[in-house]
Amino acid sequence: KVSKQFAIDISKLTTIYMKTVGLLLITFVILLASLPLPTKAIRAGGSRSKRDGESCDESMIQICLDVVNSGLKISTECCKILKEQQPCLCDVTKTSKIKTDVLSSRLKSCGILNLRCGNN
């Protein structure tokens, strides 16, 4: 009787152990799949239109352009970003709702003068 009971308990423990390991493995795979892959390429929303092959940070530019478009005061952080990304501004404004002449007048408060992009 003791050996039969022991065999049944071992069998139950093995089943519980295998189910637990299976659930942990599935959880690990789901977590691994949800993490972004590391990359040294262009960030999401970036492009290669900036001078010397540097990438543009279009997502940050767009956030600042939304502030410009809203008519709110442009923060010093946005001014810094827009100055650093100035070679990219014309490319981003092509897909933006803001007109180039409005943008140019608002960027003067950041010390960015003479933004000329063509047809926007």
PDB file of N, CA and C in Angstrom:
ATOM      1  N   LYS A   1       0.813  -1.200   0.000  1.00  0.00           N
ATOM      2  CA  LYS A   1       0.000   0.000   0.000  1.00  0.00           C
ATOM      3  C   LYS A   1       0.856   1.264   0.000  1.00  0.00           C
ATOM      4  N   VAL A   2       1.903   1.253   0.753  1.00  0.00           N
ATOM      5  CA  VAL A   2       2.743   2.439   0.850  1.00  0.00           C
ATOM      6  C   VAL A   2       3.389   2.744  -0.499  1.00  0.00           C
ATOM      7  N   SER A   3       3.859   1.755  -1.204  1.00  0.00           N
ATOM      8  CA  SER A   3       4.528   1.997  -2.474  1.00  0.00           C
ATOM      9  C   SER A   3       3.552   2.482  -3.536  1.00  0.00           C
ATOM     10  N   LYS A   4       2.286   1.990  -3.523  1.00  0.00           N
ATOM     11  CA  LYS A   4       1.278   2.468  -4.473  1.00  0.00           C
ATOM     12  C   LYS A   4       0.953   3.941  -4.188  1.00  0.00           C
ATOM     13  N   GLN A   5       0.768   4.285  -2.940  1.00  0.00           N
ATOM     14  CA  GLN A   5       0.462   5.667  -2.556  1.00  0.00           C
ATOM     15  C   GLN A   5       1.630   6.585  -2.932  1.00  0.00           C
ATOM     16  N   PHE A   6       2.840   6.124  -2.698  1.00  0.00           N
ATOM     17  CA  PHE A   6       4.033   6.906  -3.030  1.00  0.00           C
ATOM     18  C   PHE A   6       4.122   7.134  -4.538  1.00  0.00           C
ATOM     19  N   ALA A   7       3.815   6.119  -5.328  1.00  0.00           N
ATOM     20  CA  ALA A   7       3.855   6.219  -6.787  1.00  0.00           C
ATOM     21  C   ALA A   7       2.806   7.206  -7.282  1.00  0.00           C
ATOM     22  N   ILE A   8       1.624   7.202  -6.679  1.00  0.00           N
ATOM     23  CA  ILE A   8       0.561   8.126  -7.071  1.00  0.00           C
ATOM     24  C   ILE A   8       0.966   9.558  -6.735  1.00  0.00           C
ATOM     25  N   ASP A   9       1.549   9.771  -5.551  1.00  0.00           N
ATOM     26  CA  ASP A   9       1.978  11.117  -5.161  1.00  0.00           C
ATOM     27  C   ASP A   9       3.074  11.636  -6.085  1.00  0.00           C
ATOM     28  N   ILE A  10       4.011  10.781  -6.441  1.00  0.00           N
ATOM     29  CA  ILE A  10       5.087  11.177  -7.359  1.00  0.00           C
ATOM     30  C   ILE A  10       4.487  11.547  -8.715  1.00  0.00           C
ATOM     31  N   SER A  11       3.525  10.775  -9.161  1.00  0.00           N
ATOM     32  CA  SER A  11       2.883  11.038 -10.444  1.00  0.00           C
ATOM     33  C   SER A  11       2.175  12.393 -10.424  1.00  0.00           C
ATOM     34  N   LYS A  12       1.471  12.697  -9.352  1.00  0.00           N
ATOM     35  CA  LYS A  12       0.788  13.991  -9.228  1.00  0.00           C
ATOM     36  C   LYS A  12       1.788  15.140  -9.179  1.00  0.00           C
ATOM     37  N   LEU A  13       2.864  14.960  -8.428  1.00  0.00           N
ATOM     38  CA  LEU A  13       3.894  16.000  -8.338  1.00  0.00           C
ATOM     39  C   LEU A  13       4.551  16.256  -9.690  1.00  0.00           C
ATOM     40  N   THR A  14       4.802  15.177 -10.425  1.00  0.00           N
ATOM     41  CA  THR A  14       5.419  15.317 -11.745  1.00  0.00           C
ATOM     42  C   THR A  14       4.490  16.090 -12.684  1.00  0.00           C
ATOM     43  N   THR A  15       3.194  15.776 -12.640  1.00  0.00           N
ATOM     44  CA  THR A  15       2.231  16.475 -13.486  1.00  0.00           C
ATOM     45  C   THR A  15       2.168  17.957 -13.125  1.00  0.00           C
ATOM     46  N   ILE A  16       2.122  18.265 -11.852  1.00  0.00           N
ATOM     47  CA  ILE A  16       2.084  19.658 -11.397  1.00  0.00           C
ATOM     48  C   ILE A  16       3.363  20.376 -11.808  1.00  0.00           C
ATOM     49  N   TYR A  17       4.501  19.722 -11.641  1.00  0.00           N
ATOM     50  CA  TYR A  17       5.795  20.307 -12.006  1.00  0.00           C
ATOM     51  C   TYR A  17       5.838  20.613 -13.503  1.00  0.00           C
ATOM     52  N   MET A  18       5.406  19.679 -14.330  1.00  0.00           N
ATOM     53  CA  MET A  18       5.462  19.872 -15.781  1.00  0.00           C
ATOM     54  C   MET A  18       4.520  20.999 -16.222  1.00  0.00           C
ATOM     55  N   LYS A  19       3.340  21.085 -15.603  1.00  0.00           N
ATOM     56  CA  LYS A  19       2.412  22.171 -15.938  1.00  0.00           C
ATOM     57  C   LYS A  19       3.004  23.524 -15.546  1.00  0.00           C
ATOM     58  N   THR A  20       3.634  23.582 -14.385  1.00  0.00           N
ATOM     59  CA  THR A  20       4.246  24.824 -13.918  1.00  0.00           C
ATOM     60  C   THR A  20       5.376  25.256 -14.841  1.00  0.00           C
ATOM     61  N   VAL A  21       6.230  24.336 -15.207  1.00  0.00           N
ATOM     62  CA  VAL A  21       7.337  24.651 -16.111  1.00  0.00           C
ATOM     63  C   VAL A  21       6.795  25.106 -17.464  1.00  0.00           C
ATOM     64  N   GLY A  22       5.753  24.451 -17.942  1.00  0.00           N
ATOM     65  CA  GLY A  22       5.140  24.834 -19.210  1.00  0.00           C
ATOM     66  C   GLY A  22       4.587  26.250 -19.165  1.00  0.00           C
ATOM     67  N   LEU A  23       3.886  26.592 -18.085  1.00  0.00           N
ATOM     68  CA  LEU A  23       3.339  27.941 -17.939  1.00  0.00           C
ATOM     69  C   LEU A  23       4.441  28.986 -17.846  1.00  0.00           C
ATOM     70  N   LEU A  24       5.499  28.676 -17.118  1.00  0.00           N
ATOM     71  CA  LEU A  24       6.624  29.617 -17.021  1.00  0.00           C
ATOM     72  C   LEU A  24       7.283  29.819 -18.378  1.00  0.00           C
ATOM     73  N   LEU A  25       7.424  28.747 -19.135  1.00  0.00           N
ATOM     74  CA  LEU A  25       8.026  28.850 -20.465  1.00  0.00           C
ATOM     75  C   LEU A  25       7.148  29.698 -21.388  1.00  0.00           C
ATOM     76  N   ILE A  26       5.853  29.489 -21.351  1.00  0.00           N
ATOM     77  CA  ILE A  26       4.934  30.277 -22.181  1.00  0.00           C
ATOM     78  C   ILE A  26       4.995  31.750 -21.773  1.00  0.00           C
ATOM     79  N   THR A  27       5.006  32.021 -20.474  1.00  0.00           N
ATOM     80  CA  THR A  27       5.100  33.399 -19.980  1.00  0.00           C
ATOM     81  C   THR A  27       6.392  34.051 -20.454  1.00  0.00           C
ATOM     82  N   PHE A  28       7.496  33.329 -20.378  1.00  0.00           N
ATOM     83  CA  PHE A  28       8.787  33.851 -20.821  1.00  0.00           C
ATOM     84  C   PHE A  28       8.751  34.197 -22.306  1.00  0.00           C
ATOM     85  N   VAL A  29       8.190  33.319 -23.119  1.00  0.00           N
ATOM     86  CA  VAL A  29       8.128  33.561 -24.561  1.00  0.00           C
ATOM     87  C   VAL A  29       7.260  34.785 -24.863  1.00  0.00           C
ATOM     88  N   ILE A  30       6.137  34.928 -24.170  1.00  0.00           N
ATOM     89  CA  ILE A  30       5.259  36.088 -24.391  1.00  0.00           C
ATOM     90  C   ILE A  30       5.980  37.374 -24.002  1.00  0.00           C
ATOM     91  N   LEU A  31       6.662  37.376 -22.857  1.00  0.00           N
ATOM     92  CA  LEU A  31       7.402  38.568 -22.439  1.00  0.00           C
ATOM     93  C   LEU A  31       8.529  38.890 -23.404  1.00  0.00           C
ATOM     94  N   LEU A  32       9.230  37.874 -23.843  1.00  0.00           N
ATOM     95  CA  LEU A  32      10.328  38.088 -24.785  1.00  0.00           C
ATOM     96  C   LEU A  32       9.817  38.660 -26.100  1.00  0.00           C
ATOM     97  N   ALA A  33       8.678  38.165 -26.558  1.00  0.00           N
ATOM     98  CA  ALA A  33       8.111  38.650 -27.820  1.00  0.00           C
ATOM     99  C   ALA A  33       7.609  40.083 -27.702  1.00  0.00           C
ATOM    100  N   SER A  34       7.232  40.515 -26.500  1.00  0.00           N
ATOM    101  CA  SER A  34       6.688  41.864 -26.347  1.00  0.00           C
ATOM    102  C   SER A  34       7.763  42.932 -26.179  1.00  0.00           C
ATOM    103  N   LEU A  35       9.003  42.550 -25.939  1.00  0.00           N
ATOM    104  CA  LEU A  35      10.085  43.524 -25.783  1.00  0.00           C
ATOM    105  C   LEU A  35      10.552  44.000 -27.150  1.00  0.00           C
ATOM    106  N   PRO A  36      10.878  45.287 -27.282  1.00  0.00           N
ATOM    107  CA  PRO A  36      11.392  45.773 -28.565  1.00  0.00           C
ATOM    108  C   PRO A  36      12.802  45.264 -28.803  1.00  0.00           C
ATOM    109  N   LEU A  37      13.111  45.045 -30.057  1.00  0.00           N
ATOM    110  CA  LEU A  37      14.446  44.596 -30.406  1.00  0.00           C
ATOM    111  C   LEU A  37      15.420  45.769 -30.356  1.00  0.00           C
ATOM    112  N   PRO A  38      16.597  45.572 -29.802  1.00  0.00           N
ATOM    113  CA  PRO A  38      17.577  46.664 -29.790  1.00  0.00           C
ATOM    114  C   PRO A  38      18.096  46.918 -31.207  1.00  0.00           C
ATOM    115  N   THR A  39      18.272  48.186 -31.506  1.00  0.00           N
ATOM    116  CA  THR A  39      18.768  48.525 -32.831  1.00  0.00           C
ATOM    117  C   THR A  39      19.570  49.809 -32.768  1.00  0.00           C
ATOM    118  N   LYS A  40      20.535  49.911 -33.644  1.00  0.00           N
ATOM    119  CA  LYS A  40      21.302  51.145 -33.750  1.00  0.00           C
ATOM    120  C   LYS A  40      20.881  51.910 -34.997  1.00  0.00           C
ATOM    121  N   ALA A  41      19.855  51.426 -35.642  1.00  0.00           N
ATOM    122  CA  ALA A  41      19.370  52.074 -36.849  1.00  0.00           C
ATOM    123  C   ALA A  41      18.553  53.307 -36.475  1.00  0.00           C
ATOM    124  N   ILE A  42      17.826  53.811 -37.414  1.00  0.00           N
ATOM    125  CA  ILE A  42      17.014  55.006 -37.207  1.00  0.00           C
ATOM    126  C   ILE A  42      15.888  54.683 -36.240  1.00  0.00           C
ATOM    127  N   ARG A  43      15.635  55.582 -35.296  1.00  0.00           N
ATOM    128  CA  ARG A  43      14.510  55.411 -34.378  1.00  0.00           C
ATOM    129  C   ARG A  43      13.207  55.465 -35.144  1.00  0.00           C
ATOM    130  N   ALA A  44      12.167  54.906 -34.548  1.00  0.00           N
ATOM    131  CA  ALA A  44      10.845  54.966 -35.166  1.00  0.00           C
ATOM    132  C   ALA A  44      10.483  56.422 -35.404  1.00  0.00           C
ATOM    133  N   GLY A  45      10.013  56.703 -36.570  1.00  0.00           N
ATOM    134  CA  GLY A  45       9.659  58.083 -36.895  1.00  0.00           C
ATOM    135  C   GLY A  45      10.834  58.877 -37.426  1.00  0.00           C
ATOM    136  N   GLY A  46      12.000  58.259 -37.536  1.00  0.00           N
ATOM    137  CA  GLY A  46      13.174  58.973 -38.019  1.00  0.00           C
ATOM    138  C   GLY A  46      13.344  58.807 -39.511  1.00  0.00           C
ATOM    139  N   SER A  47      14.244  59.589 -40.051  1.00  0.00           N
ATOM    140  CA  SER A  47      14.583  59.458 -41.465  1.00  0.00           C
ATOM    141  C   SER A  47      16.048  59.802 -41.634  1.00  0.00           C
ATOM    142  N   ARG A  48      16.560  59.649 -42.826  1.00  0.00           N
ATOM    143  CA  ARG A  48      17.963  59.933 -43.085  1.00  0.00           C
ATOM    144  C   ARG A  48      18.154  61.211 -43.879  1.00  0.00           C
ATOM    145  N   SER A  49      17.249  62.162 -43.749  1.00  0.00           N
ATOM    146  CA  SER A  49      17.349  63.350 -44.589  1.00  0.00           C
ATOM    147  C   SER A  49      18.234  64.442 -44.003  1.00  0.00           C
ATOM    148  N   LYS A  50      18.708  64.292 -42.788  1.00  0.00           N
ATOM    149  CA  LYS A  50      19.561  65.312 -42.185  1.00  0.00           C
ATOM    150  C   LYS A  50      20.951  65.261 -42.814  1.00  0.00           C
ATOM    151  N   ARG A  51      21.637  66.353 -42.771  1.00  0.00           N
ATOM    152  CA  ARG A  51      22.951  66.432 -43.394  1.00  0.00           C
ATOM    153  C   ARG A  51      23.916  65.408 -42.800  1.00  0.00           C
ATOM    154  N   ASP A  52      24.905  65.017 -43.572  1.00  0.00           N
ATOM    155  CA  ASP A  52      25.962  64.099 -43.169  1.00  0.00           C
ATOM    156  C   ASP A  52      25.433  62.737 -42.712  1.00  0.00           C
ATOM    157  N   GLY A  53      24.278  62.326 -43.200  1.00  0.00           N
ATOM    158  CA  GLY A  53      23.758  61.003 -42.893  1.00  0.00           C
ATOM    159  C   GLY A  53      23.206  60.828 -41.492  1.00  0.00           C
ATOM    160  N   GLU A  54      23.199  61.891 -40.684  1.00  0.00           N
ATOM    161  CA  GLU A  54      22.609  61.782 -39.354  1.00  0.00           C
ATOM    162  C   GLU A  54      21.104  61.613 -39.519  1.00  0.00           C
ATOM    163  N   SER A  55      20.484  60.952 -38.563  1.00  0.00           N
ATOM    164  CA  SER A  55      19.040  60.745 -38.703  1.00  0.00           C
ATOM    165  C   SER A  55      18.255  61.882 -38.063  1.00  0.00           C
ATOM    166  N   CYS A  56      17.089  62.109 -38.615  1.00  0.00           N
ATOM    167  CA  CYS A  56      16.164  63.097 -38.067  1.00  0.00           C
ATOM    168  C   CYS A  56      15.290  62.420 -37.027  1.00  0.00           C
ATOM    169  N   ASP A  57      14.985  63.124 -35.976  1.00  0.00           N
ATOM    170  CA  ASP A  57      14.082  62.605 -34.958  1.00  0.00           C
ATOM    171  C   ASP A  57      12.712  63.216 -35.210  1.00  0.00           C
ATOM    172  N   GLU A  58      12.007  62.657 -36.188  1.00  0.00           N
ATOM    173  CA  GLU A  58      10.743  63.239 -36.625  1.00  0.00           C
ATOM    174  C   GLU A  58       9.685  63.230 -35.531  1.00  0.00           C
ATOM    175  N   SER A  59       9.724  62.241 -34.642  1.00  0.00           N
ATOM    176  CA  SER A  59       8.714  62.194 -33.578  1.00  0.00           C
ATOM    177  C   SER A  59       8.880  63.379 -32.630  1.00  0.00           C
ATOM    178  N   MET A  60      10.115  63.715 -32.271  1.00  0.00           N
ATOM    179  CA  MET A  60      10.350  64.862 -31.390  1.00  0.00           C
ATOM    180  C   MET A  60      10.042  66.165 -32.108  1.00  0.00           C
ATOM    181  N   ILE A  61      10.400  66.242 -33.380  1.00  0.00           N
ATOM    182  CA  ILE A  61      10.092  67.442 -34.161  1.00  0.00           C
ATOM    183  C   ILE A  61       8.582  67.639 -34.208  1.00  0.00           C
ATOM    184  N   GLN A  62       7.847  66.553 -34.446  1.00  0.00           N
ATOM    185  CA  GLN A  62       6.391  66.654 -34.571  1.00  0.00           C
ATOM    186  C   GLN A  62       5.747  67.116 -33.272  1.00  0.00           C
ATOM    187  N   ILE A  63       6.250  66.626 -32.138  1.00  0.00           N
ATOM    188  CA  ILE A  63       5.727  67.066 -30.840  1.00  0.00           C
ATOM    189  C   ILE A  63       5.896  68.575 -30.699  1.00  0.00           C
ATOM    190  N   CYS A  64       7.072  69.072 -31.049  1.00  0.00           N
ATOM    191  CA  CYS A  64       7.321  70.509 -30.945  1.00  0.00           C
ATOM    192  C   CYS A  64       6.511  71.295 -31.974  1.00  0.00           C
ATOM    193  N   LEU A  65       6.330  70.735 -33.165  1.00  0.00           N
ATOM    194  CA  LEU A  65       5.518  71.418 -34.176  1.00  0.00           C
ATOM    195  C   LEU A  65       4.056  71.505 -33.742  1.00  0.00           C
ATOM    196  N   ASP A  66       3.593  70.500 -33.011  1.00  0.00           N
ATOM    197  CA  ASP A  66       2.223  70.556 -32.482  1.00  0.00           C
ATOM    198  C   ASP A  66       2.075  71.726 -31.507  1.00  0.00           C
ATOM    199  N   VAL A  67       3.114  71.968 -30.709  1.00  0.00           N
ATOM    200  CA  VAL A  67       3.102  73.118 -29.788  1.00  0.00           C
ATOM    201  C   VAL A  67       3.098  74.419 -30.594  1.00  0.00           C
ATOM    202  N   VAL A  68       3.939  74.479 -31.616  1.00  0.00           N
ATOM    203  CA  VAL A  68       4.004  75.667 -32.476  1.00  0.00           C
ATOM    204  C   VAL A  68       2.637  75.916 -33.118  1.00  0.00           C
ATOM    205  N   ASN A  69       2.033  74.849 -33.621  1.00  0.00           N
ATOM    206  CA  ASN A  69       0.742  74.952 -34.304  1.00  0.00           C
ATOM    207  C   ASN A  69      -0.379  75.367 -33.354  1.00  0.00           C
ATOM    208  N   SER A  70      -0.267  74.998 -32.088  1.00  0.00           N
ATOM    209  CA  SER A  70      -1.314  75.330 -31.120  1.00  0.00           C
ATOM    210  C   SER A  70      -1.290  76.800 -30.715  1.00  0.00           C
ATOM    211  N   GLY A  71      -0.175  77.467 -30.969  1.00  0.00           N
ATOM    212  CA  GLY A  71      -0.057  78.871 -30.597  1.00  0.00           C
ATOM    213  C   GLY A  71       0.491  79.073 -29.195  1.00  0.00           C
ATOM    214  N   LEU A  72       0.773  77.967 -28.490  1.00  0.00           N
ATOM    215  CA  LEU A  72       1.350  78.084 -27.144  1.00  0.00           C
ATOM    216  C   LEU A  72       2.795  78.541 -27.235  1.00  0.00           C
ATOM    217  N   LYS A  73       3.315  79.024 -26.114  1.00  0.00           N
ATOM    218  CA  LYS A  73       4.719  79.435 -26.064  1.00  0.00           C
ATOM    219  C   LYS A  73       5.602  78.206 -26.263  1.00  0.00           C
ATOM    220  N   ILE A  74       6.612  78.356 -27.101  1.00  0.00           N
ATOM    221  CA  ILE A  74       7.516  77.249 -27.393  1.00  0.00           C
ATOM    222  C   ILE A  74       8.521  77.138 -26.253  1.00  0.00           C
ATOM    223  N   SER A  75       8.626  75.960 -25.671  1.00  0.00           N
ATOM    224  CA  SER A  75       9.530  75.752 -24.543  1.00  0.00           C
ATOM    225  C   SER A  75      10.983  75.812 -24.996  1.00  0.00           C
ATOM    226  N   THR A  76      11.870  76.053 -24.051  1.00  0.00           N
ATOM    227  CA  THR A  76      13.303  76.078 -24.382  1.00  0.00           C
ATOM    228  C   THR A  76      13.759  74.705 -24.865  1.00  0.00           C
ATOM    229  N   GLU A  77      13.164  73.644 -24.330  1.00  0.00           N
ATOM    230  CA  GLU A  77      13.524  72.289 -24.776  1.00  0.00           C
ATOM    231  C   GLU A  77      13.129  72.085 -26.239  1.00  0.00           C
ATOM    232  N   CYS A  78      11.925  72.533 -26.606  1.00  0.00           N
ATOM    233  CA  CYS A  78      11.502  72.423 -27.999  1.00  0.00           C
ATOM    234  C   CYS A  78      12.377  73.290 -28.904  1.00  0.00           C
ATOM    235  N   CYS A  79      12.713  74.472 -28.446  1.00  0.00           N
ATOM    236  CA  CYS A  79      13.604  75.327 -29.239  1.00  0.00           C
ATOM    237  C   CYS A  79      14.933  74.626 -29.482  1.00  0.00           C
ATOM    238  N   LYS A  80      15.458  73.995 -28.446  1.00  0.00           N
ATOM    239  CA  LYS A  80      16.728  73.272 -28.575  1.00  0.00           C
ATOM    240  C   LYS A  80      16.599  72.140 -29.597  1.00  0.00           C
ATOM    241  N   ILE A  81      15.509  71.375 -29.497  1.00  0.00           N
ATOM    242  CA  ILE A  81      15.283  70.266 -30.431  1.00  0.00           C
ATOM    243  C   ILE A  81      15.144  70.790 -31.855  1.00  0.00           C
ATOM    244  N   LEU A  82      14.366  71.838 -32.040  1.00  0.00           N
ATOM    245  CA  LEU A  82      14.132  72.379 -33.377  1.00  0.00           C
ATOM    246  C   LEU A  82      15.409  72.960 -33.982  1.00  0.00           C
ATOM    247  N   LYS A  83      16.254  73.570 -33.147  1.00  0.00           N
ATOM    248  CA  LYS A  83      17.529  74.082 -33.649  1.00  0.00           C
ATOM    249  C   LYS A  83      18.432  72.938 -34.091  1.00  0.00           C
ATOM    250  N   GLU A  84      18.503  71.885 -33.255  1.00  0.00           N
ATOM    251  CA  GLU A  84      19.347  70.732 -33.591  1.00  0.00           C
ATOM    252  C   GLU A  84      18.847  70.019 -34.846  1.00  0.00           C
ATOM    253  N   GLN A  85      17.540  69.993 -35.021  1.00  0.00           N
ATOM    254  CA  GLN A  85      16.930  69.260 -36.128  1.00  0.00           C
ATOM    255  C   GLN A  85      16.537  70.175 -37.290  1.00  0.00           C
ATOM    256  N   GLN A  86      17.055  71.382 -37.304  1.00  0.00           N
ATOM    257  CA  GLN A  86      16.674  72.371 -38.311  1.00  0.00           C
ATOM    258  C   GLN A  86      16.783  71.855 -39.747  1.00  0.00           C
ATOM    259  N   PRO A  87      17.833  71.091 -40.102  1.00  0.00           N
ATOM    260  CA  PRO A  87      17.894  70.589 -41.479  1.00  0.00           C
ATOM    261  C   PRO A  87      16.734  69.645 -41.830  1.00  0.00           C
ATOM    262  N   CYS A  88      16.058  69.132 -40.835  1.00  0.00           N
ATOM    263  CA  CYS A  88      14.957  68.188 -41.059  1.00  0.00           C
ATOM    264  C   CYS A  88      13.591  68.855 -41.084  1.00  0.00           C
ATOM    265  N   LEU A  89      13.506  70.099 -40.639  1.00  0.00           N
ATOM    266  CA  LEU A  89      12.209  70.763 -40.481  1.00  0.00           C
ATOM    267  C   LEU A  89      11.398  70.796 -41.774  1.00  0.00           C
ATOM    268  N   CYS A  90      12.032  71.095 -42.870  1.00  0.00           N
ATOM    269  CA  CYS A  90      11.292  71.201 -44.133  1.00  0.00           C
ATOM    270  C   CYS A  90      10.682  69.860 -44.527  1.00  0.00           C
ATOM    271  N   ASP A  91      11.424  68.762 -44.326  1.00  0.00           N
ATOM    272  CA  ASP A  91      10.885  67.443 -44.647  1.00  0.00           C
ATOM    273  C   ASP A  91       9.682  67.115 -43.779  1.00  0.00           C
ATOM    274  N   VAL A  92       9.762  67.441 -42.506  1.00  0.00           N
ATOM    275  CA  VAL A  92       8.670  67.132 -41.584  1.00  0.00           C
ATOM    276  C   VAL A  92       7.457  68.007 -41.876  1.00  0.00           C
ATOM    277  N   THR A  93       7.683  69.269 -42.235  1.00  0.00           N
ATOM    278  CA  THR A  93       6.554  70.165 -42.488  1.00  0.00           C
ATOM    279  C   THR A  93       5.775  69.768 -43.740  1.00  0.00           C
ATOM    280  N   LYS A  94       6.377  68.977 -44.609  1.00  0.00           N
ATOM    281  CA  LYS A  94       5.650  68.516 -45.802  1.00  0.00           C
ATOM    282  C   LYS A  94       4.456  67.651 -45.416  1.00  0.00           C
ATOM    283  N   THR A  95       4.566  66.927 -44.311  1.00  0.00           N
ATOM    284  CA  THR A  95       3.465  66.065 -43.860  1.00  0.00           C
ATOM    285  C   THR A  95       2.715  66.673 -42.684  1.00  0.00           C
ATOM    286  N   SER A  96       3.089  67.859 -42.284  1.00  0.00           N
ATOM    287  CA  SER A  96       2.470  68.514 -41.134  1.00  0.00           C
ATOM    288  C   SER A  96       1.331  69.417 -41.581  1.00  0.00           C
ATOM    289  N   LYS A  97       0.457  69.766 -40.632  1.00  0.00           N
ATOM    290  CA  LYS A  97      -0.685  70.644 -40.917  1.00  0.00           C
ATOM    291  C   LYS A  97      -0.289  72.108 -40.934  1.00  0.00           C
ATOM    292  N   ILE A  98       0.870  72.430 -40.398  1.00  0.00           N
ATOM    293  CA  ILE A  98       1.265  73.824 -40.249  1.00  0.00           C
ATOM    294  C   ILE A  98       1.884  74.355 -41.549  1.00  0.00           C
ATOM    295  N   LYS A  99       1.562  75.587 -41.868  1.00  0.00           N
ATOM    296  CA  LYS A  99       2.112  76.237 -43.057  1.00  0.00           C
ATOM    297  C   LYS A  99       3.520  76.730 -42.758  1.00  0.00           C
ATOM    298  N   THR A 100       4.360  76.715 -43.762  1.00  0.00           N
ATOM    299  CA  THR A 100       5.759  77.112 -43.591  1.00  0.00           C
ATOM    300  C   THR A 100       5.895  78.553 -43.137  1.00  0.00           C
ATOM    301  N   ASP A 101       5.059  79.458 -43.677  1.00  0.00           N
ATOM    302  CA  ASP A 101       5.182  80.864 -43.286  1.00  0.00           C
ATOM    303  C   ASP A 101       4.797  81.063 -41.815  1.00  0.00           C
ATOM    304  N   VAL A 102       3.781  80.326 -41.340  1.00  0.00           N
ATOM    305  CA  VAL A 102       3.399  80.398 -39.927  1.00  0.00           C
ATOM    306  C   VAL A 102       4.522  79.823 -39.073  1.00  0.00           C
ATOM    307  N   LEU A 103       5.048  78.704 -39.508  1.00  0.00           N
ATOM    308  CA  LEU A 103       6.150  78.071 -38.783  1.00  0.00           C
ATOM    309  C   LEU A 103       7.350  79.008 -38.699  1.00  0.00           C
ATOM    310  N   SER A 104       7.697  79.624 -39.816  1.00  0.00           N
ATOM    311  CA  SER A 104       8.845  80.535 -39.844  1.00  0.00           C
ATOM    312  C   SER A 104       8.684  81.677 -38.857  1.00  0.00           C
ATOM    313  N   SER A 105       7.486  82.266 -38.821  1.00  0.00           N
ATOM    314  CA  SER A 105       7.284  83.396 -37.907  1.00  0.00           C
ATOM    315  C   SER A 105       7.342  82.940 -36.449  1.00  0.00           C
ATOM    316  N   ARG A 106       6.829  81.752 -36.154  1.00  0.00           N
ATOM    317  CA  ARG A 106       6.849  81.247 -34.774  1.00  0.00           C
ATOM    318  C   ARG A 106       8.255  80.812 -34.349  1.00  0.00           C
ATOM    319  N   LEU A 107       9.053  80.320 -35.310  1.00  0.00           N
ATOM    320  CA  LEU A 107      10.397  79.849 -34.974  1.00  0.00           C
ATOM    321  C   LEU A 107      11.357  80.994 -34.670  1.00  0.00           C
ATOM    322  N   LYS A 108      10.988  82.198 -35.038  1.00  0.00           N
ATOM    323  CA  LYS A 108      11.843  83.346 -34.732  1.00  0.00           C
ATOM    324  C   LYS A 108      12.021  83.505 -33.228  1.00  0.00           C
ATOM    325  N   SER A 109      11.001  83.088 -32.449  1.00  0.00           N
ATOM    326  CA  SER A 109      11.116  83.173 -30.983  1.00  0.00           C
ATOM    327  C   SER A 109      12.165  82.193 -30.448  1.00  0.00           C
ATOM    328  N   CYS A 110      12.541  81.214 -31.270  1.00  0.00           N
ATOM    329  CA  CYS A 110      13.599  80.270 -30.895  1.00  0.00           C
ATOM    330  C   CYS A 110      14.950  80.678 -31.465  1.00  0.00           C
ATOM    331  N   GLY A 111      14.963  81.752 -32.223  1.00  0.00           N
ATOM    332  CA  GLY A 111      16.209  82.178 -32.843  1.00  0.00           C
ATOM    333  C   GLY A 111      16.491  81.481 -34.149  1.00  0.00           C
ATOM    334  N   ILE A 112      15.482  80.833 -34.717  1.00  0.00           N
ATOM    335  CA  ILE A 112      15.636  80.187 -36.015  1.00  0.00           C
ATOM    336  C   ILE A 112      15.050  81.126 -37.050  1.00  0.00           C
ATOM    337  N   LEU A 113      15.917  81.655 -37.885  1.00  0.00           N
ATOM    338  CA  LEU A 113      15.506  82.638 -38.889  1.00  0.00           C
ATOM    339  C   LEU A 113      15.570  82.038 -40.285  1.00  0.00           C
ATOM    340  N   ASN A 114      14.772  82.573 -41.172  1.00  0.00           N
ATOM    341  CA  ASN A 114      14.833  82.248 -42.586  1.00  0.00           C
ATOM    342  C   ASN A 114      14.654  80.765 -42.913  1.00  0.00           C
ATOM    343  N   LEU A 115      13.594  80.161 -42.407  1.00  0.00           N
ATOM    344  CA  LEU A 115      13.273  78.789 -42.786  1.00  0.00           C
ATOM    345  C   LEU A 115      12.582  78.845 -44.132  1.00  0.00           C
ATOM    346  N   ARG A 116      13.228  78.268 -45.127  1.00  0.00           N
ATOM    347  CA  ARG A 116      12.665  78.280 -46.478  1.00  0.00           C
ATOM    348  C   ARG A 116      12.548  76.841 -46.956  1.00  0.00           C
ATOM    349  N   CYS A 117      11.313  76.424 -47.184  1.00  0.00           N
ATOM    350  CA  CYS A 117      11.073  75.037 -47.553  1.00  0.00           C
ATOM    351  C   CYS A 117      10.431  74.871 -48.919  1.00  0.00           C
ATOM    352  N   GLY A 118      10.066  75.887 -49.562  1.00  0.00           N
ATOM    353  CA  GLY A 118       9.421  75.710 -50.865  1.00  0.00           C
ATOM    354  C   GLY A 118       7.925  75.885 -50.789  1.00  0.00           C
ATOM    355  N   ASN A 119       7.171  74.857 -51.125  1.00  0.00           N
ATOM    356  CA  ASN A 119       5.726  74.986 -51.335  1.00  0.00           C
ATOM    357  C   ASN A 119       4.846  74.778 -50.125  1.00  0.00           C
ATOM    358  N   ASN A 120       5.215  74.899 -48.942  1.00  0.00           N
ATOM    359  CA  ASN A 120       4.282  74.605 -47.857  1.00  0.00           C
ATOM    360  C   ASN A 120       3.680  75.849 -47.328  1.00  0.00           C
TER     361      ASN A 120
END
